[in-house]
């Protein structure tokens, strides 16, 4: 039972971060290009914080498909962010 509770807590951390990342990145897609240029530093900082949060997740989660999807979403966005 304790193992299940620990897994639920870890998954809550993973999925909470996942939802936050998806919501934020999808919100960036609604910016006008003029706004993107003004917000690029804030966008970069936010995504770098997501990357750091992802790295701080327990190592036992790294094998989960949701972790790999989250990491890929963050890495892909960082790759295109410098525009």
PDB file of N, CA and C in Angstrom:
ATOM      1  N   UNK A   1       0.830  -1.200   0.000  1.00  0.00           N
ATOM      2  CA  UNK A   1       0.000   0.000   0.000  1.00  0.00           C
ATOM      3  C   UNK A   1       0.872   1.261   0.000  1.00  0.00           C
ATOM      4  N   UNK A   2       1.960   1.218   0.780  1.00  0.00           N
ATOM      5  CA  UNK A   2       2.856   2.376   0.813  1.00  0.00           C
ATOM      6  C   UNK A   2       3.522   2.590  -0.540  1.00  0.00           C
ATOM      7  N   UNK A   3       3.857   1.482  -1.215  1.00  0.00           N
ATOM      8  CA  UNK A   3       4.480   1.583  -2.540  1.00  0.00           C
ATOM      9  C   UNK A   3       3.519   2.237  -3.529  1.00  0.00           C
ATOM     10  N   UNK A   4       2.259   1.862  -3.451  1.00  0.00           N
ATOM     11  CA  UNK A   4       1.246   2.433  -4.340  1.00  0.00           C
ATOM     12  C   UNK A   4       1.073   3.923  -4.065  1.00  0.00           C
ATOM     13  N   UNK A   5       1.070   4.286  -2.799  1.00  0.00           N
ATOM     14  CA  UNK A   5       0.935   5.700  -2.442  1.00  0.00           C
ATOM     15  C   UNK A   5       2.112   6.504  -2.975  1.00  0.00           C
ATOM     16  N   UNK A   6       3.313   5.961  -2.871  1.00  0.00           N
ATOM     17  CA  UNK A   6       4.507   6.648  -3.364  1.00  0.00           C
ATOM     18  C   UNK A   6       4.442   6.808  -4.886  1.00  0.00           C
ATOM     19  N   UNK A   7       4.000   5.752  -5.583  1.00  0.00           N
ATOM     20  CA  UNK A   7       3.857   5.834  -7.032  1.00  0.00           C
ATOM     21  C   UNK A   7       2.834   6.883  -7.430  1.00  0.00           C
ATOM     22  N   UNK A   8       1.750   6.953  -6.701  1.00  0.00           N
ATOM     23  CA  UNK A   8       0.705   7.943  -6.996  1.00  0.00           C
ATOM     24  C   UNK A   8       1.258   9.356  -6.806  1.00  0.00           C
ATOM     25  N   UNK A   9       2.034   9.571  -5.766  1.00  0.00           N
ATOM     26  CA  UNK A   9       2.631  10.884  -5.534  1.00  0.00           C
ATOM     27  C   UNK A   9       3.595  11.254  -6.656  1.00  0.00           C
ATOM     28  N   UNK A  10       4.414  10.286  -7.082  1.00  0.00           N
ATOM     29  CA  UNK A  10       5.356  10.558  -8.168  1.00  0.00           C
ATOM     30  C   UNK A  10       4.614  10.862  -9.468  1.00  0.00           C
ATOM     31  N   UNK A  11       3.585  10.089  -9.754  1.00  0.00           N
ATOM     32  CA  UNK A  11       2.816  10.318 -10.969  1.00  0.00           C
ATOM     33  C   UNK A  11       2.068  11.639 -10.923  1.00  0.00           C
ATOM     34  N   UNK A  12       1.628  12.035  -9.742  1.00  0.00           N
ATOM     35  CA  UNK A  12       0.982  13.336  -9.595  1.00  0.00           C
ATOM     36  C   UNK A  12       1.957  14.452  -9.957  1.00  0.00           C
ATOM     37  N   UNK A  13       3.189  14.339  -9.493  1.00  0.00           N
ATOM     38  CA  UNK A  13       4.217  15.333  -9.839  1.00  0.00           C
ATOM     39  C   UNK A  13       4.452  15.364 -11.347  1.00  0.00           C
ATOM     40  N   UNK A  14       4.566  14.178 -11.942  1.00  0.00           N
ATOM     41  CA  UNK A  14       4.814  14.082 -13.380  1.00  0.00           C
ATOM     42  C   UNK A  14       3.667  14.690 -14.179  1.00  0.00           C
ATOM     43  N   UNK A  15       2.460  14.269 -13.886  1.00  0.00           N
ATOM     44  CA  UNK A  15       1.315  14.741 -14.674  1.00  0.00           C
ATOM     45  C   UNK A  15       0.968  16.201 -14.389  1.00  0.00           C
ATOM     46  N   UNK A  16       1.231  16.680 -13.198  1.00  0.00           N
ATOM     47  CA  UNK A  16       1.022  18.105 -12.911  1.00  0.00           C
ATOM     48  C   UNK A  16       1.965  18.954 -13.763  1.00  0.00           C
ATOM     49  N   UNK A  17       3.226  18.537 -13.822  1.00  0.00           N
ATOM     50  CA  UNK A  17       4.193  19.247 -14.656  1.00  0.00           C
ATOM     51  C   UNK A  17       3.798  19.129 -16.125  1.00  0.00           C
ATOM     52  N   UNK A  18       3.391  17.942 -16.539  1.00  0.00           N
ATOM     53  CA  UNK A  18       2.988  17.714 -17.930  1.00  0.00           C
ATOM     54  C   UNK A  18       1.863  18.666 -18.329  1.00  0.00           C
ATOM     55  N   UNK A  19       0.842  18.763 -17.498  1.00  0.00           N
ATOM     56  CA  UNK A  19      -0.294  19.639 -17.793  1.00  0.00           C
ATOM     57  C   UNK A  19       0.159  21.098 -17.861  1.00  0.00           C
ATOM     58  N   UNK A  20       1.022  21.496 -16.940  1.00  0.00           N
ATOM     59  CA  UNK A  20       1.513  22.877 -16.919  1.00  0.00           C
ATOM     60  C   UNK A  20       2.312  23.181 -18.191  1.00  0.00           C
ATOM     61  N   UNK A  21       3.173  22.268 -18.588  1.00  0.00           N
ATOM     62  CA  UNK A  21       3.980  22.453 -19.806  1.00  0.00           C
ATOM     63  C   UNK A  21       3.073  22.550 -21.032  1.00  0.00           C
ATOM     64  N   UNK A  22       2.161  21.625 -21.175  1.00  0.00           N
ATOM     65  CA  UNK A  22       1.267  21.616 -22.339  1.00  0.00           C
ATOM     66  C   UNK A  22       0.434  22.895 -22.399  1.00  0.00           C
ATOM     67  N   UNK A  23      -0.118  23.286 -21.269  1.00  0.00           N
ATOM     68  CA  UNK A  23      -0.934  24.500 -21.227  1.00  0.00           C
ATOM     69  C   UNK A  23      -0.122  25.731 -21.616  1.00  0.00           C
ATOM     70  N   UNK A  24       1.080  25.826 -21.075  1.00  0.00           N
ATOM     71  CA  UNK A  24       1.932  26.981 -21.357  1.00  0.00           C
ATOM     72  C   UNK A  24       2.362  27.015 -22.815  1.00  0.00           C
ATOM     73  N   UNK A  25       2.870  25.907 -23.319  1.00  0.00           N
ATOM     74  CA  UNK A  25       3.362  25.872 -24.700  1.00  0.00           C
ATOM     75  C   UNK A  25       2.218  26.070 -25.686  1.00  0.00           C
ATOM     76  N   UNK A  26       1.086  25.477 -25.436  1.00  0.00           N
ATOM     77  CA  UNK A  26      -0.066  25.698 -26.317  1.00  0.00           C
ATOM     78  C   UNK A  26      -0.512  27.153 -26.276  1.00  0.00           C
ATOM     79  N   UNK A  27      -0.395  27.782 -25.120  1.00  0.00           N
ATOM     80  CA  UNK A  27      -0.733  29.202 -25.006  1.00  0.00           C
ATOM     81  C   UNK A  27       0.194  30.081 -25.833  1.00  0.00           C
ATOM     82  N   UNK A  28       1.454  29.667 -25.940  1.00  0.00           N
ATOM     83  CA  UNK A  28       2.401  30.419 -26.772  1.00  0.00           C
ATOM     84  C   UNK A  28       1.987  30.401 -28.236  1.00  0.00           C
ATOM     85  N   UNK A  29       1.321  29.357 -28.659  1.00  0.00           N
ATOM     86  CA  UNK A  29       0.876  29.256 -30.047  1.00  0.00           C
ATOM     87  C   UNK A  29      -0.182  30.286 -30.417  1.00  0.00           C
ATOM     88  N   UNK A  30      -0.781  30.896 -29.429  1.00  0.00           N
ATOM     89  CA  UNK A  30      -1.814  31.896 -29.684  1.00  0.00           C
ATOM     90  C   UNK A  30      -1.259  33.320 -29.733  1.00  0.00           C
ATOM     91  N   UNK A  31       0.045  33.474 -29.486  1.00  0.00           N
ATOM     92  CA  UNK A  31       0.667  34.799 -29.531  1.00  0.00           C
ATOM     93  C   UNK A  31       0.780  35.288 -30.976  1.00  0.00           C
ATOM     94  N   UNK A  32       0.673  36.586 -31.156  1.00  0.00           N
ATOM     95  CA  UNK A  32       1.005  37.195 -32.428  1.00  0.00           C
ATOM     96  C   UNK A  32       2.526  37.299 -32.500  1.00  0.00           C
ATOM     97  N   UNK A  33       3.070  37.311 -33.716  1.00  0.00           N
ATOM     98  CA  UNK A  33       4.529  37.352 -33.857  1.00  0.00           C
ATOM     99  C   UNK A  33       5.134  38.561 -33.149  1.00  0.00           C
ATOM    100  N   UNK A  34       4.460  39.678 -33.180  1.00  0.00           N
ATOM    101  CA  UNK A  34       4.952  40.874 -32.496  1.00  0.00           C
ATOM    102  C   UNK A  34       5.100  40.589 -30.998  1.00  0.00           C
ATOM    103  N   UNK A  35       4.135  39.890 -30.433  1.00  0.00           N
ATOM    104  CA  UNK A  35       4.173  39.556 -29.011  1.00  0.00           C
ATOM    105  C   UNK A  35       5.257  38.537 -28.708  1.00  0.00           C
ATOM    106  N   UNK A  36       5.496  37.620 -29.642  1.00  0.00           N
ATOM    107  CA  UNK A  36       6.541  36.616 -29.433  1.00  0.00           C
ATOM    108  C   UNK A  36       7.885  37.306 -29.280  1.00  0.00           C
ATOM    109  N   UNK A  37       8.159  38.262 -30.134  1.00  0.00           N
ATOM    110  CA  UNK A  37       9.437  38.970 -30.065  1.00  0.00           C
ATOM    111  C   UNK A  37       9.605  39.695 -28.732  1.00  0.00           C
ATOM    112  N   UNK A  38       8.509  40.222 -28.200  1.00  0.00           N
ATOM    113  CA  UNK A  38       8.570  40.921 -26.920  1.00  0.00           C
ATOM    114  C   UNK A  38       8.662  39.954 -25.746  1.00  0.00           C
ATOM    115  N   UNK A  39       8.150  38.747 -25.900  1.00  0.00           N
ATOM    116  CA  UNK A  39       8.065  37.777 -24.804  1.00  0.00           C
ATOM    117  C   UNK A  39       9.116  36.676 -24.877  1.00  0.00           C
ATOM    118  N   UNK A  40      10.022  36.713 -25.856  1.00  0.00           N
ATOM    119  CA  UNK A  40      10.932  35.596 -26.095  1.00  0.00           C
ATOM    120  C   UNK A  40      11.782  35.258 -24.870  1.00  0.00           C
ATOM    121  N   UNK A  41      12.250  36.257 -24.149  1.00  0.00           N
ATOM    122  CA  UNK A  41      13.072  35.986 -22.959  1.00  0.00           C
ATOM    123  C   UNK A  41      12.261  35.296 -21.870  1.00  0.00           C
ATOM    124  N   UNK A  42      11.028  35.743 -21.661  1.00  0.00           N
ATOM    125  CA  UNK A  42      10.161  35.118 -20.657  1.00  0.00           C
ATOM    126  C   UNK A  42       9.781  33.703 -21.065  1.00  0.00           C
ATOM    127  N   UNK A  43       9.557  33.504 -22.347  1.00  0.00           N
ATOM    128  CA  UNK A  43       9.222  32.168 -22.841  1.00  0.00           C
ATOM    129  C   UNK A  43      10.399  31.216 -22.631  1.00  0.00           C
ATOM    130  N   UNK A  44      11.585  31.685 -22.963  1.00  0.00           N
ATOM    131  CA  UNK A  44      12.783  30.864 -22.800  1.00  0.00           C
ATOM    132  C   UNK A  44      12.985  30.505 -21.336  1.00  0.00           C
ATOM    133  N   UNK A  45      12.841  31.467 -20.466  1.00  0.00           N
ATOM    134  CA  UNK A  45      13.018  31.228 -19.032  1.00  0.00           C
ATOM    135  C   UNK A  45      12.003  30.207 -18.515  1.00  0.00           C
ATOM    136  N   UNK A  46      10.767  30.340 -18.938  1.00  0.00           N
ATOM    137  CA  UNK A  46       9.722  29.413 -18.483  1.00  0.00           C
ATOM    138  C   UNK A  46      10.031  27.987 -18.934  1.00  0.00           C
ATOM    139  N   UNK A  47      10.442  27.822 -20.173  1.00  0.00           N
ATOM    140  CA  UNK A  47      10.712  26.479 -20.686  1.00  0.00           C
ATOM    141  C   UNK A  47      11.978  25.904 -20.052  1.00  0.00           C
ATOM    142  N   UNK A  48      12.965  26.740 -19.771  1.00  0.00           N
ATOM    143  CA  UNK A  48      14.152  26.262 -19.063  1.00  0.00           C
ATOM    144  C   UNK A  48      13.800  25.814 -17.641  1.00  0.00           C
ATOM    145  N   UNK A  49      12.863  26.491 -17.013  1.00  0.00           N
ATOM    146  CA  UNK A  49      12.399  26.062 -15.693  1.00  0.00           C
ATOM    147  C   UNK A  49      11.663  24.725 -15.788  1.00  0.00           C
ATOM    148  N   UNK A  50      10.894  24.547 -16.857  1.00  0.00           N
ATOM    149  CA  UNK A  50      10.239  23.251 -17.070  1.00  0.00           C
ATOM    150  C   UNK A  50      11.280  22.145 -17.222  1.00  0.00           C
ATOM    151  N   UNK A  51      12.331  22.448 -17.971  1.00  0.00           N
ATOM    152  CA  UNK A  51      13.381  21.462 -18.188  1.00  0.00           C
ATOM    153  C   UNK A  51      14.048  21.090 -16.860  1.00  0.00           C
ATOM    154  N   UNK A  52      14.315  22.089 -16.037  1.00  0.00           N
ATOM    155  CA  UNK A  52      14.928  21.831 -14.728  1.00  0.00           C
ATOM    156  C   UNK A  52      13.983  21.013 -13.840  1.00  0.00           C
ATOM    157  N   UNK A  53      12.710  21.337 -13.864  1.00  0.00           N
ATOM    158  CA  UNK A  53      11.726  20.582 -13.076  1.00  0.00           C
ATOM    159  C   UNK A  53      11.637  19.138 -13.551  1.00  0.00           C
ATOM    160  N   UNK A  54      11.731  18.955 -14.841  1.00  0.00           N
ATOM    161  CA  UNK A  54      11.678  17.608 -15.412  1.00  0.00           C
ATOM    162  C   UNK A  54      12.884  16.794 -14.939  1.00  0.00           C
ATOM    163  N   UNK A  55      14.041  17.422 -14.910  1.00  0.00           N
ATOM    164  CA  UNK A  55      15.261  16.743 -14.456  1.00  0.00           C
ATOM    165  C   UNK A  55      15.194  16.375 -12.973  1.00  0.00           C
ATOM    166  N   UNK A  56      14.431  17.129 -12.207  1.00  0.00           N
ATOM    167  CA  UNK A  56      14.335  16.881 -10.765  1.00  0.00           C
ATOM    168  C   UNK A  56      13.339  15.775 -10.411  1.00  0.00           C
ATOM    169  N   UNK A  57      12.581  15.329 -11.393  1.00  0.00           N
ATOM    170  CA  UNK A  57      11.638  14.241 -11.127  1.00  0.00           C
ATOM    171  C   UNK A  57      12.410  12.973 -10.775  1.00  0.00           C
ATOM    172  N   UNK A  58      11.816  12.104  -9.990  1.00  0.00           N
ATOM    173  CA  UNK A  58      12.504  10.864  -9.595  1.00  0.00           C
ATOM    174  C   UNK A  58      12.957  10.045 -10.805  1.00  0.00           C
ATOM    175  N   UNK A  59      14.127   9.467 -10.678  1.00  0.00           N
ATOM    176  CA  UNK A  59      14.696   8.683 -11.779  1.00  0.00           C
ATOM    177  C   UNK A  59      13.821   7.494 -12.145  1.00  0.00           C
ATOM    178  N   UNK A  60      13.064   7.006 -11.207  1.00  0.00           N
ATOM    179  CA  UNK A  60      12.206   5.853 -11.489  1.00  0.00           C
ATOM    180  C   UNK A  60      11.109   6.184 -12.499  1.00  0.00           C
ATOM    181  N   UNK A  61      10.840   7.467 -12.716  1.00  0.00           N
ATOM    182  CA  UNK A  61       9.817   7.868 -13.682  1.00  0.00           C
ATOM    183  C   UNK A  61      10.356   7.943 -15.102  1.00  0.00           C
ATOM    184  N   UNK A  62      11.663   7.929 -15.263  1.00  0.00           N
ATOM    185  CA  UNK A  62      12.259   8.148 -16.587  1.00  0.00           C
ATOM    186  C   UNK A  62      11.936   7.058 -17.590  1.00  0.00           C
ATOM    187  N   UNK A  63      11.526   5.915 -17.142  1.00  0.00           N
ATOM    188  CA  UNK A  63      11.136   4.850 -18.049  1.00  0.00           C
ATOM    189  C   UNK A  63       9.687   4.935 -18.491  1.00  0.00           C
ATOM    190  N   UNK A  64       8.922   5.799 -17.874  1.00  0.00           N
ATOM    191  CA  UNK A  64       7.497   5.924 -18.189  1.00  0.00           C
ATOM    192  C   UNK A  64       7.316   6.681 -19.510  1.00  0.00           C
ATOM    193  N   UNK A  65       6.384   6.234 -20.348  1.00  0.00           N
ATOM    194  CA  UNK A  65       6.127   6.930 -21.617  1.00  0.00           C
ATOM    195  C   UNK A  65       5.748   8.406 -21.414  1.00  0.00           C
ATOM    196  N   UNK A  66       5.013   8.716 -20.373  1.00  0.00           N
ATOM    197  CA  UNK A  66       4.608  10.108 -20.128  1.00  0.00           C
ATOM    198  C   UNK A  66       5.827  10.980 -19.847  1.00  0.00           C
ATOM    199  N   UNK A  67       6.831  10.439 -19.148  1.00  0.00           N
ATOM    200  CA  UNK A  67       8.053  11.202 -18.887  1.00  0.00           C
ATOM    201  C   UNK A  67       8.780  11.479 -20.203  1.00  0.00           C
ATOM    202  N   UNK A  68       8.902  10.453 -21.027  1.00  0.00           N
ATOM    203  CA  UNK A  68       9.596  10.629 -22.307  1.00  0.00           C
ATOM    204  C   UNK A  68       8.863  11.627 -23.193  1.00  0.00           C
ATOM    205  N   UNK A  69       7.535  11.577 -23.189  1.00  0.00           N
ATOM    206  CA  UNK A  69       6.743  12.538 -23.973  1.00  0.00           C
ATOM    207  C   UNK A  69       6.939  13.962 -23.455  1.00  0.00           C
ATOM    208  N   UNK A  70       6.935  14.112 -22.144  1.00  0.00           N
ATOM    209  CA  UNK A  70       7.145  15.427 -21.535  1.00  0.00           C
ATOM    210  C   UNK A  70       8.514  15.976 -21.898  1.00  0.00           C
ATOM    211  N   UNK A  71       9.535  15.169 -21.728  1.00  0.00           N
ATOM    212  CA  UNK A  71      10.907  15.594 -22.038  1.00  0.00           C
ATOM    213  C   UNK A  71      11.037  15.967 -23.506  1.00  0.00           C
ATOM    214  N   UNK A  72      10.440  15.186 -24.385  1.00  0.00           N
ATOM    215  CA  UNK A  72      10.498  15.481 -25.818  1.00  0.00           C
ATOM    216  C   UNK A  72       9.790  16.794 -26.131  1.00  0.00           C
ATOM    217  N   UNK A  73       8.647  17.017 -25.514  1.00  0.00           N
ATOM    218  CA  UNK A  73       7.900  18.265 -25.748  1.00  0.00           C
ATOM    219  C   UNK A  73       8.742  19.475 -25.333  1.00  0.00           C
ATOM    220  N   UNK A  74       9.392  19.385 -24.185  1.00  0.00           N
ATOM    221  CA  UNK A  74      10.230  20.487 -23.698  1.00  0.00           C
ATOM    222  C   UNK A  74      11.437  20.668 -24.606  1.00  0.00           C
ATOM    223  N   UNK A  75      12.134  19.580 -24.911  1.00  0.00           N
ATOM    224  CA  UNK A  75      13.331  19.664 -25.755  1.00  0.00           C
ATOM    225  C   UNK A  75      13.003  20.186 -27.154  1.00  0.00           C
ATOM    226  N   UNK A  76      11.908  19.720 -27.730  1.00  0.00           N
ATOM    227  CA  UNK A  76      11.505  20.191 -29.059  1.00  0.00           C
ATOM    228  C   UNK A  76      11.210  21.685 -29.049  1.00  0.00           C
ATOM    229  N   UNK A  77      10.541  22.149 -28.006  1.00  0.00           N
ATOM    230  CA  UNK A  77      10.221  23.573 -27.937  1.00  0.00           C
ATOM    231  C   UNK A  77      11.484  24.403 -27.753  1.00  0.00           C
ATOM    232  N   UNK A  78      12.413  23.920 -26.939  1.00  0.00           N
ATOM    233  CA  UNK A  78      13.683  24.641 -26.760  1.00  0.00           C
ATOM    234  C   UNK A  78      14.472  24.703 -28.062  1.00  0.00           C
ATOM    235  N   UNK A  79      14.340  23.683 -28.881  1.00  0.00           N
ATOM    236  CA  UNK A  79      15.055  23.658 -30.156  1.00  0.00           C
ATOM    237  C   UNK A  79      14.523  24.720 -31.112  1.00  0.00           C
ATOM    238  N   UNK A  80      13.219  24.925 -31.131  1.00  0.00           N
ATOM    239  CA  UNK A  80      12.646  25.905 -32.051  1.00  0.00           C
ATOM    240  C   UNK A  80      12.541  27.307 -31.451  1.00  0.00           C
ATOM    241  N   UNK A  81      12.698  27.427 -30.145  1.00  0.00           N
ATOM    242  CA  UNK A  81      12.475  28.712 -29.482  1.00  0.00           C
ATOM    243  C   UNK A  81      13.389  29.837 -29.955  1.00  0.00           C
ATOM    244  N   UNK A  82      14.655  29.597 -30.225  1.00  0.00           N
ATOM    245  CA  UNK A  82      15.481  30.727 -30.666  1.00  0.00           C
ATOM    246  C   UNK A  82      14.997  31.359 -31.969  1.00  0.00           C
ATOM    247  N   UNK A  83      14.091  30.683 -32.661  1.00  0.00           N
ATOM    248  CA  UNK A  83      13.498  31.178 -33.908  1.00  0.00           C
ATOM    249  C   UNK A  83      14.595  31.607 -34.834  1.00  0.00           C
TER     250      UNK A  83
END
